[in-house]
Amino acid sequence: MTTTRRIQILFGLVPTLLVTFLPLRTWGIALKWGGLWGGEAPFWALVVILLFYIAVIERRPFSSIGFRMPGVWDLVLAIVTGVLMVVGIVVIYSLVFPFFHLQLPAGAMNKILHTPFWYRFFLVTRAAVSEEILFRGYPMERIRELTGNRWLAALLSWAAFTFAHLAGWGAAQLIVAGFGGALLTALYLWRRNLWANMIAHWIADGAGFLLPR
C-alpha cells in the first residue's frame, strides 16, 4: 500500500469514527433544518460527503465498501439476521432490562412512536442506510486494508456503532445496540455485502418502529 493511500484512508476514517461521539440529531433539530427532517439531515449529509470522498478523493468504486450485487444467500442471511436481531432485542427488553432494573430515557421510544408513519419509515430507512455505510462498510473495509487485521476492523466498527447510540438513547441502549451491532458485524464479515446488512438492519428497526402495537 502506498503512502498516499494510507493518508487517504486515515483522512476518511478519523472523521467517520469521531462522528460516533457527536449528537448529530440534536444538532440538526437545533439548527431548525425542517421540523422532523432536521434530525435526519446531518446523517444524510455525512453519507453524501463520505461517498463523494470515496469516489473523488480516493477514486475508488463503491464496491470497495461492500456495495456489491447481493446473491440469494446474501438475501437469505440478511432476513435471518434481521429476525435474530428482533428476537434478541425482544428478549433484552422483556427479560434483561427488568432483571437489572434498566430502562431507556423517559419517553424516548414513545416520542418516536407518536410521530407519523411516513417519518418513522424514513427514519428506519435512514438508519439502515447511513449506519451501515458509516459504521460497517467504510470502516471495516478501510481498517482491514490499513492494518491487515479483519478482527480489529470488526471490533472498532462494532464499538463505533454501539457508542453512537449513547447520545440519543442512554447507557441502557448500549446493550441493545451492542447485540444488534455484533450480529450485523458478523454478517458483514461473512458476506461483505452492504446491501445484505442494510436489509437486516431495516428489518430489525422496522419491527420496532413500524409494526402496530
Protein backbone atom coordinates (compact mmCIF):
# COMPACT_ATOMS: atom_id res chain seq x y z
CA MET A 1 0.00 0.00 0.00
CA THR A 2 1.32 3.42 -0.95
CA THR A 3 1.79 6.29 1.50
CA THR A 4 -0.81 8.29 -0.41
CA ARG A 5 -3.35 5.52 0.01
CA ARG A 6 -2.64 5.27 3.74
CA ILE A 7 -3.13 9.02 4.15
CA GLN A 8 -6.39 8.90 2.19
CA ILE A 9 -7.69 6.10 4.40
CA LEU A 10 -6.74 7.91 7.60
CA PHE A 11 -8.34 11.16 6.44
CA GLY A 12 -11.54 9.23 5.71
CA LEU A 13 -11.51 7.04 8.81
CA VAL A 14 -10.72 9.51 11.57
CA PRO A 15 -13.66 11.90 10.95
CA THR A 16 -16.01 8.98 10.33
CA LEU A 17 -15.18 7.33 13.64
CA LEU A 18 -15.21 10.62 15.57
CA VAL A 19 -18.77 11.25 14.35
CA THR A 20 -19.71 8.43 16.72
CA PHE A 21 -19.47 10.80 19.68
CA LEU A 22 -21.43 13.71 18.19
CA PRO A 23 -25.13 14.37 18.97
CA LEU A 24 -26.00 14.77 15.29
CA ARG A 25 -29.76 14.51 15.67
CA THR A 26 -29.78 17.15 18.41
CA TRP A 27 -27.68 19.47 16.28
CA GLY A 28 -29.93 19.03 13.27
CA ILE A 29 -33.03 19.88 15.27
CA ALA A 30 -31.31 22.84 16.96
CA LEU A 31 -30.36 24.26 13.57
CA LYS A 32 -34.04 24.09 12.57
CA TRP A 33 -33.37 22.23 9.34
CA GLY A 34 -37.05 21.48 8.82
CA GLY A 35 -39.06 20.01 11.68
CA LEU A 36 -38.85 16.24 11.83
CA TRP A 37 -36.48 16.22 8.88
CA GLY A 38 -33.94 18.29 10.80
CA GLY A 39 -32.75 15.44 12.96
CA GLU A 40 -32.11 13.26 9.92
CA ALA A 41 -30.36 15.81 7.71
CA PRO A 42 -26.88 15.57 9.31
CA PHE A 43 -26.76 11.81 8.74
CA TRP A 44 -27.63 12.10 5.05
CA ALA A 45 -25.12 14.93 4.70
CA LEU A 46 -22.38 12.72 6.15
CA VAL A 47 -23.27 9.86 3.80
CA VAL A 48 -23.10 12.17 0.77
CA ILE A 49 -19.77 13.61 1.92
CA LEU A 50 -18.29 10.17 2.51
CA LEU A 51 -19.46 8.79 -0.84
CA PHE A 52 -18.06 11.89 -2.54
CA TYR A 53 -14.76 11.32 -0.73
CA ILE A 54 -14.61 7.69 -1.86
CA ALA A 55 -15.42 8.48 -5.49
CA VAL A 56 -13.48 11.72 -5.96
CA ILE A 57 -10.61 11.73 -3.45
CA GLU A 58 -9.92 8.03 -3.05
CA ARG A 59 -11.03 7.37 -6.66
CA ARG A 60 -12.42 4.00 -5.77
CA PRO A 61 -15.69 2.25 -6.65
CA PHE A 62 -18.43 1.89 -4.06
CA SER A 63 -17.86 -1.86 -4.23
CA SER A 64 -14.75 -1.11 -2.14
CA ILE A 65 -17.06 -0.55 0.86
CA GLY A 66 -19.33 -3.52 0.21
CA PHE A 67 -21.79 -2.27 -2.41
CA ARG A 68 -21.93 -5.49 -4.39
CA MET A 69 -24.88 -7.15 -6.07
CA PRO A 70 -26.43 -9.43 -3.44
CA GLY A 71 -26.85 -13.10 -4.22
CA VAL A 72 -29.57 -15.43 -2.99
CA TRP A 73 -27.59 -16.41 0.10
CA ASP A 74 -26.91 -12.77 0.90
CA LEU A 75 -30.64 -12.09 0.93
CA VAL A 76 -31.48 -15.22 2.93
CA LEU A 77 -28.85 -14.45 5.55
CA ALA A 78 -29.97 -10.82 5.68
CA ILE A 79 -33.50 -11.93 6.57
CA VAL A 80 -32.26 -14.50 9.09
CA THR A 81 -30.00 -11.92 10.74
CA GLY A 82 -32.82 -9.38 10.88
CA VAL A 83 -35.17 -11.88 12.53
CA LEU A 84 -32.49 -12.94 15.03
CA MET A 85 -31.98 -9.29 15.92
CA VAL A 86 -35.70 -8.82 16.53
CA VAL A 87 -35.91 -11.93 18.74
CA GLY A 88 -32.80 -10.96 20.68
CA ILE A 89 -33.96 -7.39 21.22
CA VAL A 90 -37.35 -8.59 22.49
CA VAL A 91 -35.54 -10.82 24.99
CA ILE A 92 -33.31 -7.93 26.10
CA TYR A 93 -36.24 -5.56 26.61
CA SER A 94 -38.53 -8.10 28.28
CA LEU A 95 -36.02 -10.05 30.42
CA VAL A 96 -32.61 -8.42 30.66
CA PHE A 97 -33.77 -4.85 31.28
CA PRO A 98 -36.26 -5.78 34.05
CA PHE A 99 -33.76 -8.14 35.71
CA PHE A 100 -31.11 -5.42 36.01
CA HIS A 101 -33.68 -2.65 36.59
CA LEU A 102 -32.67 -0.82 33.42
CA GLN A 103 -34.79 1.49 31.33
CA LEU A 104 -34.49 3.89 28.44
CA PRO A 105 -34.73 7.66 28.99
CA ALA A 106 -38.32 8.61 29.77
CA GLY A 107 -40.38 8.87 26.62
CA ALA A 108 -37.52 8.08 24.21
CA MET A 109 -39.38 5.29 22.42
CA ASN A 110 -42.85 6.82 22.76
CA LYS A 111 -41.66 10.07 21.27
CA ILE A 112 -40.72 8.29 18.05
CA LEU A 113 -43.78 6.02 18.04
CA HIS A 114 -46.04 9.06 18.17
CA THR A 115 -44.57 10.57 15.01
CA PRO A 116 -46.31 9.97 11.64
CA PHE A 117 -45.80 6.62 9.96
CA TRP A 118 -44.11 8.22 6.94
CA TYR A 119 -41.49 9.76 9.21
CA ARG A 120 -40.83 6.51 11.05
CA PHE A 121 -40.44 4.74 7.69
CA PHE A 122 -37.97 7.41 6.64
CA LEU A 123 -36.16 7.11 9.99
CA VAL A 124 -35.80 3.33 9.72
CA THR A 125 -34.55 3.60 6.14
CA ARG A 126 -32.09 6.35 7.02
CA ALA A 127 -30.70 4.34 9.92
CA ALA A 128 -30.28 1.21 7.80
CA VAL A 129 -28.53 3.08 5.00
CA SER A 130 -26.40 5.63 6.84
CA GLU A 131 -25.31 3.50 9.77
CA GLU A 132 -24.28 0.57 7.59
CA ILE A 133 -22.19 2.87 5.39
CA LEU A 134 -20.68 4.94 8.22
CA PHE A 135 -20.22 2.21 10.83
CA ARG A 136 -19.88 -1.00 8.84
CA GLY A 137 -18.88 -0.85 5.19
CA TYR A 138 -16.40 2.00 5.18
CA PRO A 139 -14.57 1.49 8.49
CA MET A 140 -14.46 -2.30 8.27
CA GLU A 141 -13.02 -2.28 4.77
CA ARG A 142 -10.56 0.55 5.32
CA ILE A 143 -9.29 -0.58 8.73
CA ARG A 144 -8.88 -4.06 7.36
CA GLU A 145 -6.92 -2.68 4.42
CA LEU A 146 -4.82 -0.42 6.63
CA THR A 147 -3.94 -2.98 9.30
CA GLY A 148 -4.42 -6.30 7.54
CA ASN A 149 -6.49 -7.43 10.53
CA ARG A 150 -10.18 -8.05 9.88
CA TRP A 151 -10.90 -8.76 13.55
CA LEU A 152 -9.55 -5.37 14.61
CA ALA A 153 -11.64 -3.81 11.85
CA ALA A 154 -14.70 -5.65 13.14
CA LEU A 155 -14.06 -4.67 16.77
CA LEU A 156 -13.51 -0.96 16.09
CA SER A 157 -16.51 -0.62 13.79
CA TRP A 158 -18.70 -2.51 16.28
CA ALA A 159 -17.57 -0.20 19.09
CA ALA A 160 -18.26 2.89 16.96
CA PHE A 161 -21.74 1.67 16.06
CA THR A 162 -22.55 0.77 19.66
CA PHE A 163 -21.42 4.04 21.23
CA ALA A 164 -23.11 6.08 18.51
CA HIS A 165 -26.39 5.15 20.22
CA LEU A 166 -25.37 6.54 23.59
CA ALA A 167 -26.16 10.22 22.95
CA GLY A 168 -29.77 9.72 21.91
CA TRP A 169 -30.81 6.66 23.91
CA GLY A 170 -28.74 6.48 27.07
CA ALA A 171 -26.44 3.85 28.54
CA ALA A 172 -29.05 1.06 28.74
CA GLN A 173 -29.47 1.12 24.96
CA LEU A 174 -25.80 0.19 24.56
CA ILE A 175 -26.81 -3.40 25.38
CA VAL A 176 -29.32 -3.43 22.53
CA ALA A 177 -27.02 -1.65 20.10
CA GLY A 178 -24.11 -3.89 21.07
CA PHE A 179 -26.15 -7.03 20.47
CA GLY A 180 -27.53 -5.85 17.14
CA GLY A 181 -24.17 -4.49 16.09
CA ALA A 182 -22.49 -7.82 16.83
CA LEU A 183 -24.89 -9.67 14.52
CA LEU A 184 -24.56 -7.06 11.78
CA THR A 185 -20.78 -7.11 12.08
CA ALA A 186 -20.74 -10.89 11.84
CA LEU A 187 -22.96 -10.74 8.76
CA TYR A 188 -20.63 -8.28 7.06
CA LEU A 189 -17.55 -10.31 7.98
CA TRP A 190 -19.20 -13.35 6.42
CA ARG A 191 -20.69 -11.87 3.27
CA ARG A 192 -19.02 -8.44 2.85
CA ASN A 193 -22.20 -7.23 1.19
CA LEU A 194 -23.55 -3.89 2.36
CA TRP A 195 -26.99 -4.45 0.80
CA ALA A 196 -27.46 -7.55 2.95
CA ASN A 197 -26.55 -5.56 6.04
CA MET A 198 -28.95 -2.78 5.16
CA ILE A 199 -31.80 -5.25 4.71
CA ALA A 200 -31.10 -6.94 8.05
CA HIS A 201 -30.83 -3.57 9.79
CA TRP A 202 -34.08 -2.37 8.21
CA ILE A 203 -35.95 -5.49 9.31
CA ALA A 204 -34.82 -5.07 12.93
CA ASP A 205 -35.63 -1.36 13.15
CA GLY A 206 -38.81 -1.75 11.13
CA ALA A 207 -40.11 -4.34 13.59
CA GLY A 208 -39.56 -1.88 16.41
CA PHE A 209 -40.91 1.30 14.87
CA LEU A 210 -43.33 0.36 12.07
CA LEU A 211 -45.37 -2.62 13.26
CA PRO A 212 -48.67 -1.76 15.01
CA ARG A 213 -48.74 -2.12 18.80
